[in-house]
Amino acid sequence: MIMFTEQKIRGPVRDILIEGRARDEFALDDPSEAATALLGAISQAAMSQILATGGLDAQATGDRLLPLLLRGVLSR
């Protein structure tokens, strides 16, 4: 399971973060840590929705989470 998660989920997210950092699109120190944090946030949001409603609307959840995950919560 750990190998699957690394190859199919965490690894590709980390690679996107590394590429974005190289193009100065993402300001982060550790792409591996950031990938783990992002996936944790997504997992928690999905689990909370499933527990609250009995199902998951992945598109709606993604639409709400993506801006938050990419822009953060700081006012600019």
PDB file of N, CA and C in Angstrom:
ATOM      1  N   MET A   1       0.814  -1.197   0.000  1.00  0.00           N
ATOM      2  CA  MET A   1       0.000   0.000   0.000  1.00  0.00           C
ATOM      3  C   MET A   1       0.856   1.259   0.000  1.00  0.00           C
ATOM      4  N   ILE A   2       1.933   1.257   0.767  1.00  0.00           N
ATOM      5  CA  ILE A   2       2.801   2.439   0.805  1.00  0.00           C
ATOM      6  C   ILE A   2       3.408   2.687  -0.562  1.00  0.00           C
ATOM      7  N   MET A   3       3.867   1.638  -1.227  1.00  0.00           N
ATOM      8  CA  MET A   3       4.464   1.787  -2.555  1.00  0.00           C
ATOM      9  C   MET A   3       3.429   2.322  -3.547  1.00  0.00           C
ATOM     10  N   PHE A   4       2.196   1.811  -3.493  1.00  0.00           N
ATOM     11  CA  PHE A   4       1.132   2.284  -4.382  1.00  0.00           C
ATOM     12  C   PHE A   4       0.883   3.767  -4.156  1.00  0.00           C
ATOM     13  N   THR A   5       0.757   4.166  -2.894  1.00  0.00           N
ATOM     14  CA  THR A   5       0.495   5.565  -2.568  1.00  0.00           C
ATOM     15  C   THR A   5       1.612   6.455  -3.087  1.00  0.00           C
ATOM     16  N   GLU A   6       2.842   6.039  -2.915  1.00  0.00           N
ATOM     17  CA  GLU A   6       3.976   6.843  -3.374  1.00  0.00           C
ATOM     18  C   GLU A   6       3.997   6.944  -4.898  1.00  0.00           C
ATOM     19  N   GLN A   7       3.787   5.830  -5.584  1.00  0.00           N
ATOM     20  CA  GLN A   7       3.871   5.823  -7.048  1.00  0.00           C
ATOM     21  C   GLN A   7       2.679   6.496  -7.712  1.00  0.00           C
ATOM     22  N   LYS A   8       1.497   6.295  -7.170  1.00  0.00           N
ATOM     23  CA  LYS A   8       0.281   6.727  -7.859  1.00  0.00           C
ATOM     24  C   LYS A   8      -0.321   8.017  -7.329  1.00  0.00           C
ATOM     25  N   ILE A   9      -0.004   8.401  -6.103  1.00  0.00           N
ATOM     26  CA  ILE A   9      -0.659   9.573  -5.529  1.00  0.00           C
ATOM     27  C   ILE A   9       0.364  10.613  -5.068  1.00  0.00           C
ATOM     28  N   ARG A  10       1.098  10.320  -4.018  1.00  0.00           N
ATOM     29  CA  ARG A  10       2.012  11.298  -3.431  1.00  0.00           C
ATOM     30  C   ARG A  10       3.136  11.683  -4.387  1.00  0.00           C
ATOM     31  N   GLY A  11       3.705  10.719  -5.072  1.00  0.00           N
ATOM     32  CA  GLY A  11       4.809  10.997  -5.988  1.00  0.00           C
ATOM     33  C   GLY A  11       4.440  11.970  -7.097  1.00  0.00           C
ATOM     34  N   PRO A  12       3.330  11.736  -7.804  1.00  0.00           N
ATOM     35  CA  PRO A  12       2.942  12.685  -8.846  1.00  0.00           C
ATOM     36  C   PRO A  12       2.637  14.091  -8.308  1.00  0.00           C
ATOM     37  N   VAL A  13       2.015  14.176  -7.135  1.00  0.00           N
ATOM     38  CA  VAL A  13       1.754  15.492  -6.544  1.00  0.00           C
ATOM     39  C   VAL A  13       3.076  16.166  -6.213  1.00  0.00           C
ATOM     40  N   ARG A  14       3.996  15.438  -5.630  1.00  0.00           N
ATOM     41  CA  ARG A  14       5.318  15.986  -5.318  1.00  0.00           C
ATOM     42  C   ARG A  14       6.011  16.467  -6.594  1.00  0.00           C
ATOM     43  N   ASP A  15       5.911  15.694  -7.671  1.00  0.00           N
ATOM     44  CA  ASP A  15       6.546  16.088  -8.934  1.00  0.00           C
ATOM     45  C   ASP A  15       5.965  17.399  -9.475  1.00  0.00           C
ATOM     46  N   ILE A  16       4.648  17.560  -9.362  1.00  0.00           N
ATOM     47  CA  ILE A  16       4.005  18.807  -9.790  1.00  0.00           C
ATOM     48  C   ILE A  16       4.522  19.978  -8.952  1.00  0.00           C
ATOM     49  N   LEU A  17       4.663  19.767  -7.658  1.00  0.00           N
ATOM     50  CA  LEU A  17       5.166  20.822  -6.779  1.00  0.00           C
ATOM     51  C   LEU A  17       6.618  21.171  -7.092  1.00  0.00           C
ATOM     52  N   ILE A  18       7.419  20.167  -7.398  1.00  0.00           N
ATOM     53  CA  ILE A  18       8.818  20.421  -7.771  1.00  0.00           C
ATOM     54  C   ILE A  18       8.880  21.242  -9.053  1.00  0.00           C
ATOM     55  N   GLU A  19       8.085  20.876 -10.036  1.00  0.00           N
ATOM     56  CA  GLU A  19       8.052  21.625 -11.303  1.00  0.00           C
ATOM     57  C   GLU A  19       7.575  23.054 -11.088  1.00  0.00           C
ATOM     58  N   GLY A  20       6.525  23.217 -10.290  1.00  0.00           N
ATOM     59  CA  GLY A  20       6.006  24.555 -10.013  1.00  0.00           C
ATOM     60  C   GLY A  20       6.998  25.417  -9.259  1.00  0.00           C
ATOM     61  N   ARG A  21       7.709  24.814  -8.338  1.00  0.00           N
ATOM     62  CA  ARG A  21       8.742  25.557  -7.600  1.00  0.00           C
ATOM     63  C   ARG A  21       9.857  25.986  -8.546  1.00  0.00           C
ATOM     64  N   ALA A  22      10.247  25.135  -9.469  1.00  0.00           N
ATOM     65  CA  ALA A  22      11.311  25.463 -10.423  1.00  0.00           C
ATOM     66  C   ALA A  22      10.911  26.640 -11.323  1.00  0.00           C
ATOM     67  N   ARG A  23       9.612  26.784 -11.580  1.00  0.00           N
ATOM     68  CA  ARG A  23       9.112  27.900 -12.404  1.00  0.00           C
ATOM     69  C   ARG A  23       8.689  29.096 -11.557  1.00  0.00           C
ATOM     70  N   ASP A  24       9.011  29.067 -10.271  1.00  0.00           N
ATOM     71  CA  ASP A  24       8.641  30.123  -9.315  1.00  0.00           C
ATOM     72  C   ASP A  24       7.138  30.326  -9.206  1.00  0.00           C
ATOM     73  N   GLU A  25       6.375  29.243  -9.419  1.00  0.00           N
ATOM     74  CA  GLU A  25       4.923  29.314  -9.259  1.00  0.00           C
ATOM     75  C   GLU A  25       4.508  28.943  -7.842  1.00  0.00           C
ATOM     76  N   PHE A  26       5.317  28.137  -7.161  1.00  0.00           N
ATOM     77  CA  PHE A  26       5.029  27.715  -5.795  1.00  0.00           C
ATOM     78  C   PHE A  26       6.190  28.114  -4.903  1.00  0.00           C
ATOM     79  N   ALA A  27       5.864  28.710  -3.774  1.00  0.00           N
ATOM     80  CA  ALA A  27       6.882  29.063  -2.788  1.00  0.00           C
ATOM     81  C   ALA A  27       6.816  28.037  -1.668  1.00  0.00           C
ATOM     82  N   LEU A  28       7.692  27.039  -1.733  1.00  0.00           N
ATOM     83  CA  LEU A  28       7.726  26.021  -0.698  1.00  0.00           C
ATOM     84  C   LEU A  28       9.135  25.496  -0.568  1.00  0.00           C
ATOM     85  N   ASP A  29       9.464  25.086   0.650  1.00  0.00           N
ATOM     86  CA  ASP A  29      10.810  24.589   0.917  1.00  0.00           C
ATOM     87  C   ASP A  29      10.967  23.111   0.613  1.00  0.00           C
ATOM     88  N   ASP A  30       9.966  22.325   0.972  1.00  0.00           N
ATOM     89  CA  ASP A  30      10.082  20.868   0.871  1.00  0.00           C
ATOM     90  C   ASP A  30       8.878  20.301   0.113  1.00  0.00           C
ATOM     91  N   PRO A  31       9.046  19.997  -1.177  1.00  0.00           N
ATOM     92  CA  PRO A  31       7.927  19.474  -1.960  1.00  0.00           C
ATOM     93  C   PRO A  31       7.347  18.170  -1.415  1.00  0.00           C
ATOM     94  N   SER A  32       8.171  17.323  -0.817  1.00  0.00           N
ATOM     95  CA  SER A  32       7.666  16.071  -0.250  1.00  0.00           C
ATOM     96  C   SER A  32       6.745  16.342   0.931  1.00  0.00           C
ATOM     97  N   GLU A  33       7.166  17.230   1.802  1.00  0.00           N
ATOM     98  CA  GLU A  33       6.338  17.581   2.957  1.00  0.00           C
ATOM     99  C   GLU A  33       5.043  18.270   2.506  1.00  0.00           C
ATOM    100  N   ALA A  34       5.155  19.140   1.518  1.00  0.00           N
ATOM    101  CA  ALA A  34       3.969  19.836   1.005  1.00  0.00           C
ATOM    102  C   ALA A  34       2.995  18.839   0.377  1.00  0.00           C
ATOM    103  N   ALA A  35       3.500  17.870  -0.374  1.00  0.00           N
ATOM    104  CA  ALA A  35       2.628  16.858  -0.985  1.00  0.00           C
ATOM    105  C   ALA A  35       1.892  16.064   0.089  1.00  0.00           C
ATOM    106  N   THR A  36       2.588  15.697   1.137  1.00  0.00           N
ATOM    107  CA  THR A  36       1.958  14.958   2.234  1.00  0.00           C
ATOM    108  C   THR A  36       0.881  15.804   2.897  1.00  0.00           C
ATOM    109  N   ALA A  37       1.163  17.073   3.135  1.00  0.00           N
ATOM    110  CA  ALA A  37       0.191  17.965   3.775  1.00  0.00           C
ATOM    111  C   ALA A  37      -1.039  18.163   2.895  1.00  0.00           C
ATOM    112  N   LEU A  38      -0.839  18.362   1.603  1.00  0.00           N
ATOM    113  CA  LEU A  38      -1.971  18.542   0.688  1.00  0.00           C
ATOM    114  C   LEU A  38      -2.840  17.291   0.630  1.00  0.00           C
ATOM    115  N   LEU A  39      -2.215  16.150   0.525  1.00  0.00           N
ATOM    116  CA  LEU A  39      -2.985  14.904   0.470  1.00  0.00           C
ATOM    117  C   LEU A  39      -3.714  14.643   1.779  1.00  0.00           C
ATOM    118  N   GLY A  40      -3.112  15.007   2.882  1.00  0.00           N
ATOM    119  CA  GLY A  40      -3.788  14.870   4.171  1.00  0.00           C
ATOM    120  C   GLY A  40      -5.020  15.753   4.248  1.00  0.00           C
ATOM    121  N   ALA A  41      -4.898  16.977   3.769  1.00  0.00           N
ATOM    122  CA  ALA A  41      -6.041  17.900   3.773  1.00  0.00           C
ATOM    123  C   ALA A  41      -7.165  17.372   2.893  1.00  0.00           C
ATOM    124  N   ILE A  42      -6.818  16.879   1.731  1.00  0.00           N
ATOM    125  CA  ILE A  42      -7.821  16.338   0.813  1.00  0.00           C
ATOM    126  C   ILE A  42      -8.509  15.122   1.428  1.00  0.00           C
ATOM    127  N   SER A  43      -7.737  14.232   2.021  1.00  0.00           N
ATOM    128  CA  SER A  43      -8.295  13.026   2.641  1.00  0.00           C
ATOM    129  C   SER A  43      -9.242  13.378   3.778  1.00  0.00           C
ATOM    130  N   GLN A  44      -8.844  14.323   4.617  1.00  0.00           N
ATOM    131  CA  GLN A  44      -9.688  14.726   5.732  1.00  0.00           C
ATOM    132  C   GLN A  44     -10.988  15.363   5.255  1.00  0.00           C
ATOM    133  N   ALA A  45     -10.914  16.211   4.249  1.00  0.00           N
ATOM    134  CA  ALA A  45     -12.121  16.848   3.721  1.00  0.00           C
ATOM    135  C   ALA A  45     -13.065  15.818   3.130  1.00  0.00           C
ATOM    136  N   ALA A  46     -12.522  14.870   2.388  1.00  0.00           N
ATOM    137  CA  ALA A  46     -13.355  13.819   1.792  1.00  0.00           C
ATOM    138  C   ALA A  46     -13.991  12.951   2.875  1.00  0.00           C
ATOM    139  N   MET A  47     -13.202  12.563   3.867  1.00  0.00           N
ATOM    140  CA  MET A  47     -13.735  11.725   4.932  1.00  0.00           C
ATOM    141  C   MET A  47     -14.823  12.459   5.713  1.00  0.00           C
ATOM    142  N   SER A  48     -14.613  13.724   5.989  1.00  0.00           N
ATOM    143  CA  SER A  48     -15.614  14.510   6.714  1.00  0.00           C
ATOM    144  C   SER A  48     -16.916  14.590   5.938  1.00  0.00           C
ATOM    145  N   GLN A  49     -16.812  14.792   4.627  1.00  0.00           N
ATOM    146  CA  GLN A  49     -18.019  14.860   3.801  1.00  0.00           C
ATOM    147  C   GLN A  49     -18.753  13.517   3.781  1.00  0.00           C
ATOM    148  N   ILE A  50     -18.015  12.448   3.675  1.00  0.00           N
ATOM    149  CA  ILE A  50     -18.627  11.112   3.671  1.00  0.00           C
ATOM    150  C   ILE A  50     -19.340  10.856   4.995  1.00  0.00           C
ATOM    151  N   LEU A  51     -18.703  11.202   6.095  1.00  0.00           N
ATOM    152  CA  LEU A  51     -19.318  10.980   7.407  1.00  0.00           C
ATOM    153  C   LEU A  51     -20.554  11.859   7.605  1.00  0.00           C
ATOM    154  N   ALA A  52     -20.517  13.076   7.094  1.00  0.00           N
ATOM    155  CA  ALA A  52     -21.622  14.008   7.293  1.00  0.00           C
ATOM    156  C   ALA A  52     -22.802  13.722   6.374  1.00  0.00           C
ATOM    157  N   THR A  53     -22.521  13.281   5.149  1.00  0.00           N
ATOM    158  CA  THR A  53     -23.599  13.161   4.158  1.00  0.00           C
ATOM    159  C   THR A  53     -23.832  11.737   3.668  1.00  0.00           C
ATOM    160  N   GLY A  54     -22.914  10.842   3.965  1.00  0.00           N
ATOM    161  CA  GLY A  54     -23.031   9.472   3.486  1.00  0.00           C
ATOM    162  C   GLY A  54     -22.491   9.267   2.091  1.00  0.00           C
ATOM    163  N   GLY A  55     -21.931  10.313   1.507  1.00  0.00           N
ATOM    164  CA  GLY A  55     -21.378  10.202   0.159  1.00  0.00           C
ATOM    165  C   GLY A  55     -20.331  11.265  -0.086  1.00  0.00           C
ATOM    166  N   LEU A  56     -19.769  11.235  -1.275  1.00  0.00           N
ATOM    167  CA  LEU A  56     -18.722  12.188  -1.636  1.00  0.00           C
ATOM    168  C   LEU A  56     -19.023  12.774  -2.999  1.00  0.00           C
ATOM    169  N   ASP A  57     -19.098  14.086  -3.053  1.00  0.00           N
ATOM    170  CA  ASP A  57     -19.187  14.797  -4.323  1.00  0.00           C
ATOM    171  C   ASP A  57     -17.773  15.301  -4.616  1.00  0.00           C
ATOM    172  N   ALA A  58     -17.006  14.477  -5.307  1.00  0.00           N
ATOM    173  CA  ALA A  58     -15.590  14.770  -5.527  1.00  0.00           C
ATOM    174  C   ALA A  58     -15.391  16.070  -6.295  1.00  0.00           C
ATOM    175  N   GLN A  59     -16.220  16.330  -7.279  1.00  0.00           N
ATOM    176  CA  GLN A  59     -16.072  17.556  -8.073  1.00  0.00           C
ATOM    177  C   GLN A  59     -16.306  18.794  -7.205  1.00  0.00           C
ATOM    178  N   ALA A  60     -17.379  18.798  -6.443  1.00  0.00           N
ATOM    179  CA  ALA A  60     -17.683  19.952  -5.592  1.00  0.00           C
ATOM    180  C   ALA A  60     -16.613  20.137  -4.517  1.00  0.00           C
ATOM    181  N   THR A  61     -16.158  19.036  -3.945  1.00  0.00           N
ATOM    182  CA  THR A  61     -15.113  19.115  -2.931  1.00  0.00           C
ATOM    183  C   THR A  61     -13.835  19.669  -3.537  1.00  0.00           C
ATOM    184  N   GLY A  62     -13.467  19.186  -4.707  1.00  0.00           N
ATOM    185  CA  GLY A  62     -12.278  19.697  -5.391  1.00  0.00           C
ATOM    186  C   GLY A  62     -12.403  21.166  -5.744  1.00  0.00           C
ATOM    187  N   ASP A  63     -13.581  21.563  -6.198  1.00  0.00           N
ATOM    188  CA  ASP A  63     -13.804  22.969  -6.551  1.00  0.00           C
ATOM    189  C   ASP A  63     -13.635  23.885  -5.340  1.00  0.00           C
ATOM    190  N   ARG A  64     -14.053  23.419  -4.169  1.00  0.00           N
ATOM    191  CA  ARG A  64     -13.906  24.220  -2.952  1.00  0.00           C
ATOM    192  C   ARG A  64     -12.477  24.181  -2.416  1.00  0.00           C
ATOM    193  N   LEU A  65     -11.847  23.014  -2.486  1.00  0.00           N
ATOM    194  CA  LEU A  65     -10.529  22.862  -1.872  1.00  0.00           C
ATOM    195  C   LEU A  65      -9.378  23.407  -2.709  1.00  0.00           C
ATOM    196  N   LEU A  66      -9.441  23.272  -4.006  1.00  0.00           N
ATOM    197  CA  LEU A  66      -8.302  23.649  -4.845  1.00  0.00           C
ATOM    198  C   LEU A  66      -7.861  25.091  -4.636  1.00  0.00           C
ATOM    199  N   PRO A  67      -8.767  26.074  -4.665  1.00  0.00           N
ATOM    200  CA  PRO A  67      -8.305  27.448  -4.414  1.00  0.00           C
ATOM    201  C   PRO A  67      -7.671  27.615  -3.036  1.00  0.00           C
ATOM    202  N   LEU A  68      -8.255  26.984  -2.041  1.00  0.00           N
ATOM    203  CA  LEU A  68      -7.717  27.076  -0.691  1.00  0.00           C
ATOM    204  C   LEU A  68      -6.322  26.463  -0.618  1.00  0.00           C
ATOM    205  N   LEU A  69      -6.151  25.309  -1.216  1.00  0.00           N
ATOM    206  CA  LEU A  69      -4.862  24.633  -1.158  1.00  0.00           C
ATOM    207  C   LEU A  69      -3.788  25.371  -1.944  1.00  0.00           C
ATOM    208  N   LEU A  70      -4.162  25.986  -3.048  1.00  0.00           N
ATOM    209  CA  LEU A  70      -3.167  26.680  -3.866  1.00  0.00           C
ATOM    210  C   LEU A  70      -2.873  28.091  -3.375  1.00  0.00           C
ATOM    211  N   ARG A  71      -3.866  28.782  -2.857  1.00  0.00           N
ATOM    212  CA  ARG A  71      -3.674  30.173  -2.426  1.00  0.00           C
ATOM    213  C   ARG A  71      -3.495  30.344  -0.930  1.00  0.00           C
ATOM    214  N   GLY A  72      -3.920  29.339  -0.175  1.00  0.00           N
ATOM    215  CA  GLY A  72      -3.806  29.449   1.275  1.00  0.00           C
ATOM    216  C   GLY A  72      -4.925  30.281   1.866  1.00  0.00           C
ATOM    217  N   VAL A  73      -4.728  30.680   3.098  1.00  0.00           N
ATOM    218  CA  VAL A  73      -5.750  31.425   3.821  1.00  0.00           C
ATOM    219  C   VAL A  73      -5.339  32.859   4.123  1.00  0.00           C
ATOM    220  N   LEU A  74      -4.147  33.243   3.727  1.00  0.00           N
ATOM    221  CA  LEU A  74      -3.682  34.593   3.985  1.00  0.00           C
ATOM    222  C   LEU A  74      -4.326  35.586   3.038  1.00  0.00           C
ATOM    223  N   SER A  75      -4.659  36.760   3.547  1.00  0.00           N
ATOM    224  CA  SER A  75      -5.139  37.827   2.655  1.00  0.00           C
ATOM    225  C   SER A  75      -3.924  38.459   1.993  1.00  0.00           C
ATOM    226  N   ARG A  76      -4.097  38.865   0.765  1.00  0.00           N
ATOM    227  CA  ARG A  76      -2.948  39.454   0.039  1.00  0.00           C
ATOM    228  C   ARG A  76      -3.325  40.768  -0.556  1.00  0.00           C
TER     229      ARG A  76
END
